[in-house]
Amino acid sequence: PDITCVVIPDSVTKIDRYAFSGCSSLSDVKLPASLSQMDDSAFEECAIKTISLPEGLKHIPEWTFANCKSLETVHLPNSLESISEYAFYYCKALSQINLPQNLAHIGNDAFNGCENLKEGDLVPVLLGGMIVHVDGKIDPASDIDTINTELMLADLQTIEKALPKMDMDRVPRTRPMMALCLDLWAWYQMVA
């Protein structure tokens, strides 16, 4: 028979590699407070819908919940410090996850294919696995504003470098293009 529910006893402190991997009917998992370590692919390709990881767990290894396509909600402990590459890879239904304050690293592609996560949830992922919080706290809206400002400043630096080399006589004479070029040229003259 297919396993649909697992209650792991309090005596368990570690879940080994591939322990439940491929249990395609496993939809309900209760983890003990004593759990402090999981190995790669422990729950890969399961049908889990919600998972609550216990306090004390500091690391989620590679592929731990990869391809759990029914996984919608993940409750991460405040003790969590890192999420490895591909940990939640292609968890297509994942729409709710809390990122704890102590989280210092998210590996590349940790949330690749998680189509239902909102942009604010993905700020750390967009930064290539590094979490940078300007205000020293997790605030996705503020982080997105900071990232957008940094991107605009980088664009302005690119324009600033290109304008002196620009031959204004060779710019296409369409109204929108001319207006843009003249605005940029005026801006450059003002700040130079």
C-alpha atoms as a PDB file:
ATOM      1  CA  PRO A   1       0.000   0.000   0.000  1.00  0.00           C
ATOM      2  CA  ASP A   2       1.058   3.591  -0.645  1.00  0.00           C
ATOM      3  CA  ILE A   3       2.059   5.665   2.367  1.00  0.00           C
ATOM      4  CA  THR A   4      -0.150   8.762   2.774  1.00  0.00           C
ATOM      5  CA  CYS A   5       0.728   9.923   6.306  1.00  0.00           C
ATOM      6  CA  VAL A   6       3.893   9.748   8.423  1.00  0.00           C
ATOM      7  CA  VAL A   7       4.304  10.807  12.045  1.00  0.00           C
ATOM      8  CA  ILE A   8       7.994  10.744  12.869  1.00  0.00           C
ATOM      9  CA  PRO A   9       8.635   9.976  16.560  1.00  0.00           C
ATOM     10  CA  ASP A  10      10.355  12.385  18.967  1.00  0.00           C
ATOM     11  CA  SER A  11      13.385  10.094  19.223  1.00  0.00           C
ATOM     12  CA  VAL A  12      14.389  10.925  15.602  1.00  0.00           C
ATOM     13  CA  THR A  13      17.013  13.667  15.183  1.00  0.00           C
ATOM     14  CA  LYS A  14      18.000  13.022  11.552  1.00  0.00           C
ATOM     15  CA  ILE A  15      16.221  12.039   8.330  1.00  0.00           C
ATOM     16  CA  ASP A  16      18.594  10.333   5.894  1.00  0.00           C
ATOM     17  CA  ARG A  17      19.047  10.922   2.176  1.00  0.00           C
ATOM     18  CA  TYR A  18      16.121   9.653   0.050  1.00  0.00           C
ATOM     19  CA  ALA A  19      14.239   8.468   3.192  1.00  0.00           C
ATOM     20  CA  PHE A  20      10.822   9.306   1.688  1.00  0.00           C
ATOM     21  CA  SER A  21      11.868  10.280  -1.834  1.00  0.00           C
ATOM     22  CA  GLY A  22       9.415   9.139  -4.473  1.00  0.00           C
ATOM     23  CA  CYS A  23       6.578   8.429  -2.022  1.00  0.00           C
ATOM     24  CA  SER A  24       4.121   9.954  -4.461  1.00  0.00           C
ATOM     25  CA  SER A  25       1.087   9.436  -2.189  1.00  0.00           C
ATOM     26  CA  LEU A  26       2.698  10.875   0.946  1.00  0.00           C
ATOM     27  CA  SER A  27       0.669  14.024   1.631  1.00  0.00           C
ATOM     28  CA  ASP A  28       0.858  14.470   5.405  1.00  0.00           C
ATOM     29  CA  VAL A  29       4.129  14.577   7.379  1.00  0.00           C
ATOM     30  CA  LYS A  30       4.522  15.449  11.067  1.00  0.00           C
ATOM     31  CA  LEU A  31       8.115  16.214  12.034  1.00  0.00           C
ATOM     32  CA  PRO A  32       9.300  15.990  15.653  1.00  0.00           C
ATOM     33  CA  ALA A  33      10.707  18.927  17.620  1.00  0.00           C
ATOM     34  CA  SER A  34      13.866  16.833  18.087  1.00  0.00           C
ATOM     35  CA  LEU A  35      14.703  16.878  14.351  1.00  0.00           C
ATOM     36  CA  SER A  36      17.936  18.796  13.787  1.00  0.00           C
ATOM     37  CA  GLN A  37      19.164  17.426  10.457  1.00  0.00           C
ATOM     38  CA  MET A  38      17.825  16.278   7.082  1.00  0.00           C
ATOM     39  CA  ASP A  39      19.870  14.934   4.190  1.00  0.00           C
ATOM     40  CA  ASP A  40      19.496  15.576   0.454  1.00  0.00           C
ATOM     41  CA  SER A  41      16.269  14.532  -1.262  1.00  0.00           C
ATOM     42  CA  ALA A  42      14.616  13.400   1.980  1.00  0.00           C
ATOM     43  CA  PHE A  43      11.100  14.236   0.709  1.00  0.00           C
ATOM     44  CA  GLU A  44      11.730  14.701  -3.011  1.00  0.00           C
ATOM     45  CA  GLU A  45       8.711  13.968  -5.254  1.00  0.00           C
ATOM     46  CA  CYS A  46       6.191  13.543  -2.426  1.00  0.00           C
ATOM     47  CA  ALA A  47       2.597  14.835  -2.390  1.00  0.00           C
ATOM     48  CA  ILE A  48       3.032  16.911   0.789  1.00  0.00           C
ATOM     49  CA  LYS A  49       0.707  19.949   0.899  1.00  0.00           C
ATOM     50  CA  THR A  50       1.937  21.706   4.062  1.00  0.00           C
ATOM     51  CA  ILE A  51       5.145  21.235   6.019  1.00  0.00           C
ATOM     52  CA  SER A  52       6.244  22.775   9.311  1.00  0.00           C
ATOM     53  CA  LEU A  53       9.953  22.443  10.002  1.00  0.00           C
ATOM     54  CA  PRO A  54      10.923  22.355  13.692  1.00  0.00           C
ATOM     55  CA  GLU A  55      12.914  24.937  15.649  1.00  0.00           C
ATOM     56  CA  GLY A  56      16.528  23.889  15.882  1.00  0.00           C
ATOM     57  CA  LEU A  57      16.793  22.965  12.209  1.00  0.00           C
ATOM     58  CA  LYS A  58      19.479  25.201  10.703  1.00  0.00           C
ATOM     59  CA  HIS A  59      19.838  23.906   7.147  1.00  0.00           C
ATOM     60  CA  ILE A  60      17.653  22.564   4.330  1.00  0.00           C
ATOM     61  CA  PRO A  61      19.840  20.469   2.005  1.00  0.00           C
ATOM     62  CA  GLU A  62      19.723  20.188  -1.784  1.00  0.00           C
ATOM     63  CA  TRP A  63      16.605  18.658  -3.367  1.00  0.00           C
ATOM     64  CA  THR A  64      14.928  18.119   0.048  1.00  0.00           C
ATOM     65  CA  PHE A  65      11.437  19.028  -1.216  1.00  0.00           C
ATOM     66  CA  ALA A  66      12.166  19.195  -4.959  1.00  0.00           C
ATOM     67  CA  ASN A  67       9.295  18.287  -7.258  1.00  0.00           C
ATOM     68  CA  CYS A  68       6.749  18.224  -4.429  1.00  0.00           C
ATOM     69  CA  LYS A  69       4.204  19.631  -6.851  1.00  0.00           C
ATOM     70  CA  SER A  70       1.365  19.722  -4.287  1.00  0.00           C
ATOM     71  CA  LEU A  71       3.368  21.635  -1.670  1.00  0.00           C
ATOM     72  CA  GLU A  72       1.501  24.903  -0.991  1.00  0.00           C
ATOM     73  CA  THR A  73       2.708  26.123   2.410  1.00  0.00           C
ATOM     74  CA  VAL A  74       6.067  25.914   4.179  1.00  0.00           C
ATOM     75  CA  HIS A  75       6.617  27.043   7.766  1.00  0.00           C
ATOM     76  CA  LEU A  76      10.329  27.641   8.316  1.00  0.00           C
ATOM     77  CA  PRO A  77      11.797  27.827  11.838  1.00  0.00           C
ATOM     78  CA  ASN A  78      13.460  30.975  13.141  1.00  0.00           C
ATOM     79  CA  SER A  79      16.614  28.889  13.657  1.00  0.00           C
ATOM     80  CA  LEU A  80      17.011  28.284   9.888  1.00  0.00           C
ATOM     81  CA  GLU A  81      20.240  29.765   8.491  1.00  0.00           C
ATOM     82  CA  SER A  82      20.470  28.329   4.965  1.00  0.00           C
ATOM     83  CA  ILE A  83      18.481  26.797   2.132  1.00  0.00           C
ATOM     84  CA  SER A  84      20.585  24.882  -0.388  1.00  0.00           C
ATOM     85  CA  GLU A  85      20.374  24.772  -4.153  1.00  0.00           C
ATOM     86  CA  TYR A  86      17.219  23.136  -5.563  1.00  0.00           C
ATOM     87  CA  ALA A  87      15.699  22.638  -2.078  1.00  0.00           C
ATOM     88  CA  PHE A  88      12.189  23.582  -3.314  1.00  0.00           C
ATOM     89  CA  TYR A  89      12.833  23.106  -7.035  1.00  0.00           C
ATOM     90  CA  TYR A  90       9.600  22.900  -9.049  1.00  0.00           C
ATOM     91  CA  CYS A  91       7.232  23.023  -6.107  1.00  0.00           C
ATOM     92  CA  LYS A  92       4.704  24.493  -8.512  1.00  0.00           C
ATOM     93  CA  ALA A  93       1.892  24.979  -5.980  1.00  0.00           C
ATOM     94  CA  LEU A  94       4.086  26.688  -3.366  1.00  0.00           C
ATOM     95  CA  SER A  95       2.445  30.023  -2.578  1.00  0.00           C
ATOM     96  CA  GLN A  96       3.279  30.678   1.084  1.00  0.00           C
ATOM     97  CA  ILE A  97       6.668  30.589   2.768  1.00  0.00           C
ATOM     98  CA  ASN A  98       8.058  32.645   5.616  1.00  0.00           C
ATOM     99  CA  LEU A  99      11.709  33.708   5.428  1.00  0.00           C
ATOM    100  CA  PRO A 100      13.081  33.844   8.970  1.00  0.00           C
ATOM    101  CA  GLN A 101      15.268  36.689  10.204  1.00  0.00           C
ATOM    102  CA  ASN A 102      18.333  34.423  10.706  1.00  0.00           C
ATOM    103  CA  LEU A 103      18.288  33.143   7.129  1.00  0.00           C
ATOM    104  CA  ALA A 104      21.677  34.066   5.681  1.00  0.00           C
ATOM    105  CA  HIS A 105      21.869  32.037   2.457  1.00  0.00           C
ATOM    106  CA  ILE A 106      19.519  30.812  -0.254  1.00  0.00           C
ATOM    107  CA  GLY A 107      21.216  28.665  -2.879  1.00  0.00           C
ATOM    108  CA  ASN A 108      20.847  29.111  -6.621  1.00  0.00           C
ATOM    109  CA  ASP A 109      17.631  27.686  -8.048  1.00  0.00           C
ATOM    110  CA  ALA A 110      16.322  26.910  -4.561  1.00  0.00           C
ATOM    111  CA  PHE A 111      12.885  28.134  -5.686  1.00  0.00           C
ATOM    112  CA  ASN A 112      13.196  27.675  -9.443  1.00  0.00           C
ATOM    113  CA  GLY A 113       9.852  26.618 -10.920  1.00  0.00           C
ATOM    114  CA  CYS A 114       7.825  27.803  -7.917  1.00  0.00           C
ATOM    115  CA  GLU A 115       5.288  29.516 -10.147  1.00  0.00           C
ATOM    116  CA  ASN A 116       2.916  30.647  -7.396  1.00  0.00           C
ATOM    117  CA  LEU A 117       5.344  32.543  -5.180  1.00  0.00           C
ATOM    118  CA  LYS A 118       4.784  36.291  -5.268  1.00  0.00           C
ATOM    119  CA  GLU A 119       7.531  38.732  -6.242  1.00  0.00           C
ATOM    120  CA  GLY A 120       8.024  39.924  -2.653  1.00  0.00           C
ATOM    121  CA  ASP A 121       8.609  36.345  -1.525  1.00  0.00           C
ATOM    122  CA  LEU A 122      11.366  36.025  -4.112  1.00  0.00           C
ATOM    123  CA  VAL A 123      13.453  39.106  -3.316  1.00  0.00           C
ATOM    124  CA  PRO A 124      16.307  37.021  -1.876  1.00  0.00           C
ATOM    125  CA  VAL A 125      16.211  34.666  -4.844  1.00  0.00           C
ATOM    126  CA  LEU A 126      16.384  37.573  -7.307  1.00  0.00           C
ATOM    127  CA  LEU A 127      19.600  38.622  -5.588  1.00  0.00           C
ATOM    128  CA  GLY A 128      21.292  35.392  -6.681  1.00  0.00           C
ATOM    129  CA  GLY A 129      21.045  33.544  -3.415  1.00  0.00           C
ATOM    130  CA  MET A 130      22.265  36.379  -1.226  1.00  0.00           C
ATOM    131  CA  ILE A 131      19.941  38.153   1.146  1.00  0.00           C
ATOM    132  CA  VAL A 132      20.657  41.832   1.529  1.00  0.00           C
ATOM    133  CA  HIS A 133      18.362  43.812   3.801  1.00  0.00           C
ATOM    134  CA  VAL A 134      19.261  47.491   3.816  1.00  0.00           C
ATOM    135  CA  ASP A 135      17.243  48.248   6.929  1.00  0.00           C
ATOM    136  CA  GLY A 136      18.499  45.159   8.760  1.00  0.00           C
ATOM    137  CA  LYS A 137      15.092  43.487   8.698  1.00  0.00           C
ATOM    138  CA  ILE A 138      13.028  41.441   6.286  1.00  0.00           C
ATOM    139  CA  ASP A 139      10.748  43.838   4.401  1.00  0.00           C
ATOM    140  CA  PRO A 140      10.098  42.666   0.826  1.00  0.00           C
ATOM    141  CA  ALA A 141       8.457  45.936  -0.280  1.00  0.00           C
ATOM    142  CA  SER A 142      11.393  48.012   0.962  1.00  0.00           C
ATOM    143  CA  ASP A 143      13.881  45.527  -0.507  1.00  0.00           C
ATOM    144  CA  ILE A 144      12.187  45.736  -3.923  1.00  0.00           C
ATOM    145  CA  ASP A 145      12.250  49.557  -3.797  1.00  0.00           C
ATOM    146  CA  THR A 146      15.959  49.490  -2.955  1.00  0.00           C
ATOM    147  CA  ILE A 147      16.701  47.036  -5.775  1.00  0.00           C
ATOM    148  CA  ASN A 148      14.738  49.140  -8.290  1.00  0.00           C
ATOM    149  CA  THR A 149      16.569  52.296  -7.198  1.00  0.00           C
ATOM    150  CA  GLU A 150      19.938  50.557  -7.577  1.00  0.00           C
ATOM    151  CA  LEU A 151      18.965  49.342 -11.051  1.00  0.00           C
ATOM    152  CA  MET A 152      17.907  52.859 -12.117  1.00  0.00           C
ATOM    153  CA  LEU A 153      21.186  54.308 -10.851  1.00  0.00           C
ATOM    154  CA  ALA A 154      23.122  51.665 -12.803  1.00  0.00           C
ATOM    155  CA  ASP A 155      21.121  52.561 -15.941  1.00  0.00           C
ATOM    156  CA  LEU A 156      21.919  56.234 -15.431  1.00  0.00           C
ATOM    157  CA  GLN A 157      25.631  55.419 -15.154  1.00  0.00           C
ATOM    158  CA  THR A 158      25.457  53.533 -18.456  1.00  0.00           C
ATOM    159  CA  ILE A 159      23.749  56.487 -20.138  1.00  0.00           C
ATOM    160  CA  GLU A 160      26.239  58.889 -18.607  1.00  0.00           C
ATOM    161  CA  LYS A 161      29.130  56.918 -20.131  1.00  0.00           C
ATOM    162  CA  ALA A 162      27.480  56.681 -23.555  1.00  0.00           C
ATOM    163  CA  LEU A 163      26.316  60.283 -24.024  1.00  0.00           C
ATOM    164  CA  PRO A 164      29.722  61.943 -24.563  1.00  0.00           C
ATOM    165  CA  LYS A 165      30.447  59.417 -27.326  1.00  0.00           C
ATOM    166  CA  MET A 166      27.093  60.004 -29.001  1.00  0.00           C
ATOM    167  CA  ASP A 167      27.132  61.768 -32.358  1.00  0.00           C
ATOM    168  CA  MET A 168      23.949  63.824 -32.144  1.00  0.00           C
ATOM    169  CA  ASP A 169      23.972  64.340 -35.930  1.00  0.00           C
ATOM    170  CA  ARG A 170      23.545  60.594 -36.484  1.00  0.00           C
ATOM    171  CA  VAL A 171      20.587  60.103 -34.128  1.00  0.00           C
ATOM    172  CA  PRO A 172      17.434  59.051 -36.000  1.00  0.00           C
ATOM    173  CA  ARG A 173      15.215  62.066 -36.565  1.00  0.00           C
ATOM    174  CA  THR A 174      11.951  60.575 -35.330  1.00  0.00           C
ATOM    175  CA  ARG A 175      10.203  62.768 -32.797  1.00  0.00           C
ATOM    176  CA  PRO A 176      10.192  60.303 -29.868  1.00  0.00           C
ATOM    177  CA  MET A 177      13.846  59.341 -30.408  1.00  0.00           C
ATOM    178  CA  MET A 178      14.935  62.965 -30.788  1.00  0.00           C
ATOM    179  CA  ALA A 179      13.015  63.996 -27.674  1.00  0.00           C
ATOM    180  CA  LEU A 180      14.585  61.173 -25.673  1.00  0.00           C
ATOM    181  CA  CYS A 181      18.093  61.934 -26.906  1.00  0.00           C
ATOM    182  CA  LEU A 182      17.715  65.656 -26.285  1.00  0.00           C
ATOM    183  CA  ASP A 183      16.346  65.019 -22.785  1.00  0.00           C
ATOM    184  CA  LEU A 184      19.240  62.698 -22.029  1.00  0.00           C
ATOM    185  CA  TRP A 185      21.747  65.167 -23.477  1.00  0.00           C
ATOM    186  CA  ALA A 186      20.272  68.019 -21.410  1.00  0.00           C
ATOM    187  CA  TRP A 187      20.337  65.878 -18.293  1.00  0.00           C
ATOM    188  CA  TYR A 188      23.957  64.930 -18.945  1.00  0.00           C
ATOM    189  CA  GLN A 189      24.983  68.562 -19.453  1.00  0.00           C
ATOM    190  CA  MET A 190      23.260  69.465 -16.203  1.00  0.00           C
ATOM    191  CA  VAL A 191      24.981  66.790 -14.073  1.00  0.00           C
ATOM    192  CA  ALA A 192      28.405  66.821 -15.779  1.00  0.00           C
END
